[in-house]
Amino acid sequence: MIANRLPFLLMSAVVMSTVSFQPAQTATTTLRVRGTIETYEPSTRTLSVSTSNGTVRFVLSTVVRIRQGWHAIDASALEKLSGYRVDVRYSESGGQKTVESVHVLGKPKG
């Protein structure tokens, strides 16, 4: 009886061992910085954001989502939005920031 089930048991052991040795997927965490736009340099696509902890610089890819209010805007428009509040969502790996989206919120009150 066991001899009849031996191929099935061996196959089950192979499948189980293959599954157990697969590496776990690493989840990415989205980080967020809120602050004020200091500058945007179009030639390097670098956005500088002033926060309560100092200035944070982000290099924007060509595919990053940028919007002001409900409207999508081009990265070049950020150059004229110095002083506006901004919310930047990004992930970080090995010290490298990858920007997912930039949302311009408006001028600070005051």
C-alpha atoms as a PDB file:
ATOM      1  CA  MET A   1       0.000   0.000   0.000  1.00  0.00           C
ATOM      2  CA  ILE A   2       2.799   2.445   0.864  1.00  0.00           C
ATOM      3  CA  ALA A   3       4.602   1.419  -2.319  1.00  0.00           C
ATOM      4  CA  ASN A   4       1.574   2.575  -4.341  1.00  0.00           C
ATOM      5  CA  ARG A   5       1.605   5.976  -2.604  1.00  0.00           C
ATOM      6  CA  LEU A   6       5.389   6.436  -2.698  1.00  0.00           C
ATOM      7  CA  PRO A   7       5.470   8.497  -5.942  1.00  0.00           C
ATOM      8  CA  PHE A   8       2.764  10.789  -4.526  1.00  0.00           C
ATOM      9  CA  LEU A   9       4.586  11.176  -1.184  1.00  0.00           C
ATOM     10  CA  LEU A  10       7.896  11.940  -2.936  1.00  0.00           C
ATOM     11  CA  MET A  11       6.235  14.483  -5.218  1.00  0.00           C
ATOM     12  CA  SER A  12       4.567  16.128  -2.208  1.00  0.00           C
ATOM     13  CA  ALA A  13       7.914  16.382  -0.418  1.00  0.00           C
ATOM     14  CA  VAL A  14       9.527  18.017  -3.471  1.00  0.00           C
ATOM     15  CA  VAL A  15       6.695  20.543  -3.809  1.00  0.00           C
ATOM     16  CA  MET A  16       6.747  21.349  -0.088  1.00  0.00           C
ATOM     17  CA  SER A  17      10.527  21.855  -0.045  1.00  0.00           C
ATOM     18  CA  THR A  18      10.376  24.092  -3.130  1.00  0.00           C
ATOM     19  CA  VAL A  19       7.704  26.283  -1.592  1.00  0.00           C
ATOM     20  CA  SER A  20       9.448  26.583   1.760  1.00  0.00           C
ATOM     21  CA  PHE A  21      12.720  27.860   0.236  1.00  0.00           C
ATOM     22  CA  GLN A  22      11.277  30.710  -1.821  1.00  0.00           C
ATOM     23  CA  PRO A  23      12.449  34.132  -0.611  1.00  0.00           C
ATOM     24  CA  ALA A  24       9.881  36.365   1.058  1.00  0.00           C
ATOM     25  CA  GLN A  25       8.660  39.438  -0.795  1.00  0.00           C
ATOM     26  CA  THR A  26       9.802  42.746   0.714  1.00  0.00           C
ATOM     27  CA  ALA A  27       7.055  45.315   1.130  1.00  0.00           C
ATOM     28  CA  THR A  28       7.885  48.878   0.238  1.00  0.00           C
ATOM     29  CA  THR A  29       6.782  51.647   2.514  1.00  0.00           C
ATOM     30  CA  THR A  30       5.663  54.977   1.166  1.00  0.00           C
ATOM     31  CA  LEU A  31       7.071  57.920   3.091  1.00  0.00           C
ATOM     32  CA  ARG A  32       5.725  61.444   3.076  1.00  0.00           C
ATOM     33  CA  VAL A  33       7.275  64.882   3.498  1.00  0.00           C
ATOM     34  CA  ARG A  34       5.205  68.017   3.898  1.00  0.00           C
ATOM     35  CA  GLY A  35       6.825  71.401   3.626  1.00  0.00           C
ATOM     36  CA  THR A  36       7.277  74.459   1.452  1.00  0.00           C
ATOM     37  CA  ILE A  37       8.832  74.539  -2.008  1.00  0.00           C
ATOM     38  CA  GLU A  38      12.154  76.387  -1.795  1.00  0.00           C
ATOM     39  CA  THR A  39      13.344  75.884  -5.364  1.00  0.00           C
ATOM     40  CA  TYR A  40      12.973  73.677  -8.400  1.00  0.00           C
ATOM     41  CA  GLU A  41      15.917  73.303 -10.774  1.00  0.00           C
ATOM     42  CA  PRO A  42      14.605  72.152 -14.189  1.00  0.00           C
ATOM     43  CA  SER A  43      18.026  71.159 -15.604  1.00  0.00           C
ATOM     44  CA  THR A  44      18.614  68.590 -12.819  1.00  0.00           C
ATOM     45  CA  ARG A  45      14.900  68.066 -12.012  1.00  0.00           C
ATOM     46  CA  THR A  46      15.718  68.712  -8.335  1.00  0.00           C
ATOM     47  CA  LEU A  47      12.956  69.854  -5.988  1.00  0.00           C
ATOM     48  CA  SER A  48      14.055  71.403  -2.667  1.00  0.00           C
ATOM     49  CA  VAL A  49      11.451  71.308   0.093  1.00  0.00           C
ATOM     50  CA  SER A  50      11.839  73.252   3.340  1.00  0.00           C
ATOM     51  CA  THR A  51      10.554  71.347   6.390  1.00  0.00           C
ATOM     52  CA  SER A  52      10.690  71.927  10.140  1.00  0.00           C
ATOM     53  CA  ASN A  53      13.721  69.562  10.179  1.00  0.00           C
ATOM     54  CA  GLY A  54      15.621  71.308   7.379  1.00  0.00           C
ATOM     55  CA  THR A  55      15.705  71.160   3.597  1.00  0.00           C
ATOM     56  CA  VAL A  56      15.042  67.888   1.770  1.00  0.00           C
ATOM     57  CA  ARG A  57      16.033  67.486  -1.879  1.00  0.00           C
ATOM     58  CA  PHE A  58      14.277  65.174  -4.319  1.00  0.00           C
ATOM     59  CA  VAL A  59      15.253  64.285  -7.875  1.00  0.00           C
ATOM     60  CA  LEU A  60      12.065  63.879  -9.903  1.00  0.00           C
ATOM     61  CA  SER A  61      11.835  61.212 -12.599  1.00  0.00           C
ATOM     62  CA  THR A  62      10.128  61.945 -15.884  1.00  0.00           C
ATOM     63  CA  VAL A  63       7.135  59.789 -14.893  1.00  0.00           C
ATOM     64  CA  VAL A  64       6.404  61.234 -11.429  1.00  0.00           C
ATOM     65  CA  ARG A  65       2.788  62.364 -10.874  1.00  0.00           C
ATOM     66  CA  ILE A  66       2.603  66.098 -10.159  1.00  0.00           C
ATOM     67  CA  ARG A  67      -0.601  67.960  -9.447  1.00  0.00           C
ATOM     68  CA  GLN A  68      -1.802  71.256  -8.088  1.00  0.00           C
ATOM     69  CA  GLY A  69      -5.192  70.908  -6.489  1.00  0.00           C
ATOM     70  CA  TRP A  70      -7.076  68.482  -8.726  1.00  0.00           C
ATOM     71  CA  HIS A  71      -5.118  69.328 -11.896  1.00  0.00           C
ATOM     72  CA  ALA A  72      -2.050  67.568 -13.275  1.00  0.00           C
ATOM     73  CA  ILE A  73       0.803  69.986 -13.951  1.00  0.00           C
ATOM     74  CA  ASP A  74       4.169  69.727 -15.675  1.00  0.00           C
ATOM     75  CA  ALA A  75       7.328  69.622 -13.545  1.00  0.00           C
ATOM     76  CA  SER A  76       8.499  72.900 -15.103  1.00  0.00           C
ATOM     77  CA  ALA A  77       5.579  74.677 -13.364  1.00  0.00           C
ATOM     78  CA  LEU A  78       7.222  73.938  -9.981  1.00  0.00           C
ATOM     79  CA  GLU A  79       9.847  76.593 -10.742  1.00  0.00           C
ATOM     80  CA  LYS A  80       7.178  79.298 -10.356  1.00  0.00           C
ATOM     81  CA  LEU A  81       5.627  77.802  -7.205  1.00  0.00           C
ATOM     82  CA  SER A  82       8.330  78.727  -4.689  1.00  0.00           C
ATOM     83  CA  GLY A  83       6.677  79.340  -1.298  1.00  0.00           C
ATOM     84  CA  TYR A  84       3.766  76.983  -1.934  1.00  0.00           C
ATOM     85  CA  ARG A  85       3.010  74.149   0.477  1.00  0.00           C
ATOM     86  CA  VAL A  86       3.726  70.702  -0.933  1.00  0.00           C
ATOM     87  CA  ASP A  87       3.201  67.039  -0.054  1.00  0.00           C
ATOM     88  CA  VAL A  88       5.819  64.655  -1.516  1.00  0.00           C
ATOM     89  CA  ARG A  89       5.292  60.873  -1.389  1.00  0.00           C
ATOM     90  CA  TYR A  90       8.336  58.708  -1.956  1.00  0.00           C
ATOM     91  CA  SER A  91      10.061  55.450  -1.098  1.00  0.00           C
ATOM     92  CA  GLU A  92      13.674  55.104  -0.023  1.00  0.00           C
ATOM     93  CA  SER A  93      16.128  52.263  -0.547  1.00  0.00           C
ATOM     94  CA  GLY A  94      19.858  52.430   0.137  1.00  0.00           C
ATOM     95  CA  GLY A  95      19.710  56.185   0.632  1.00  0.00           C
ATOM     96  CA  GLN A  96      18.101  56.683  -2.785  1.00  0.00           C
ATOM     97  CA  LYS A  97      14.710  58.441  -2.766  1.00  0.00           C
ATOM     98  CA  THR A  98      12.204  57.471  -5.461  1.00  0.00           C
ATOM     99  CA  VAL A  99       9.431  60.061  -5.719  1.00  0.00           C
ATOM    100  CA  GLU A 100       5.965  58.680  -6.428  1.00  0.00           C
ATOM    101  CA  SER A 101       3.968  61.910  -6.415  1.00  0.00           C
ATOM    102  CA  VAL A 102       4.132  65.641  -5.710  1.00  0.00           C
ATOM    103  CA  HIS A 103       0.976  67.466  -4.636  1.00  0.00           C
ATOM    104  CA  VAL A 104       1.083  71.272  -4.472  1.00  0.00           C
ATOM    105  CA  LEU A 105      -1.374  72.331  -1.797  1.00  0.00           C
ATOM    106  CA  GLY A 106      -1.361  76.133  -1.998  1.00  0.00           C
ATOM    107  CA  LYS A 107       0.216  79.217  -0.466  1.00  0.00           C
ATOM    108  CA  PRO A 108       0.743  79.153   3.305  1.00  0.00           C
ATOM    109  CA  LYS A 109      -1.706  81.243   5.307  1.00  0.00           C
ATOM    110  CA  GLY A 110      -0.405  84.366   6.908  1.00  0.00           C
END
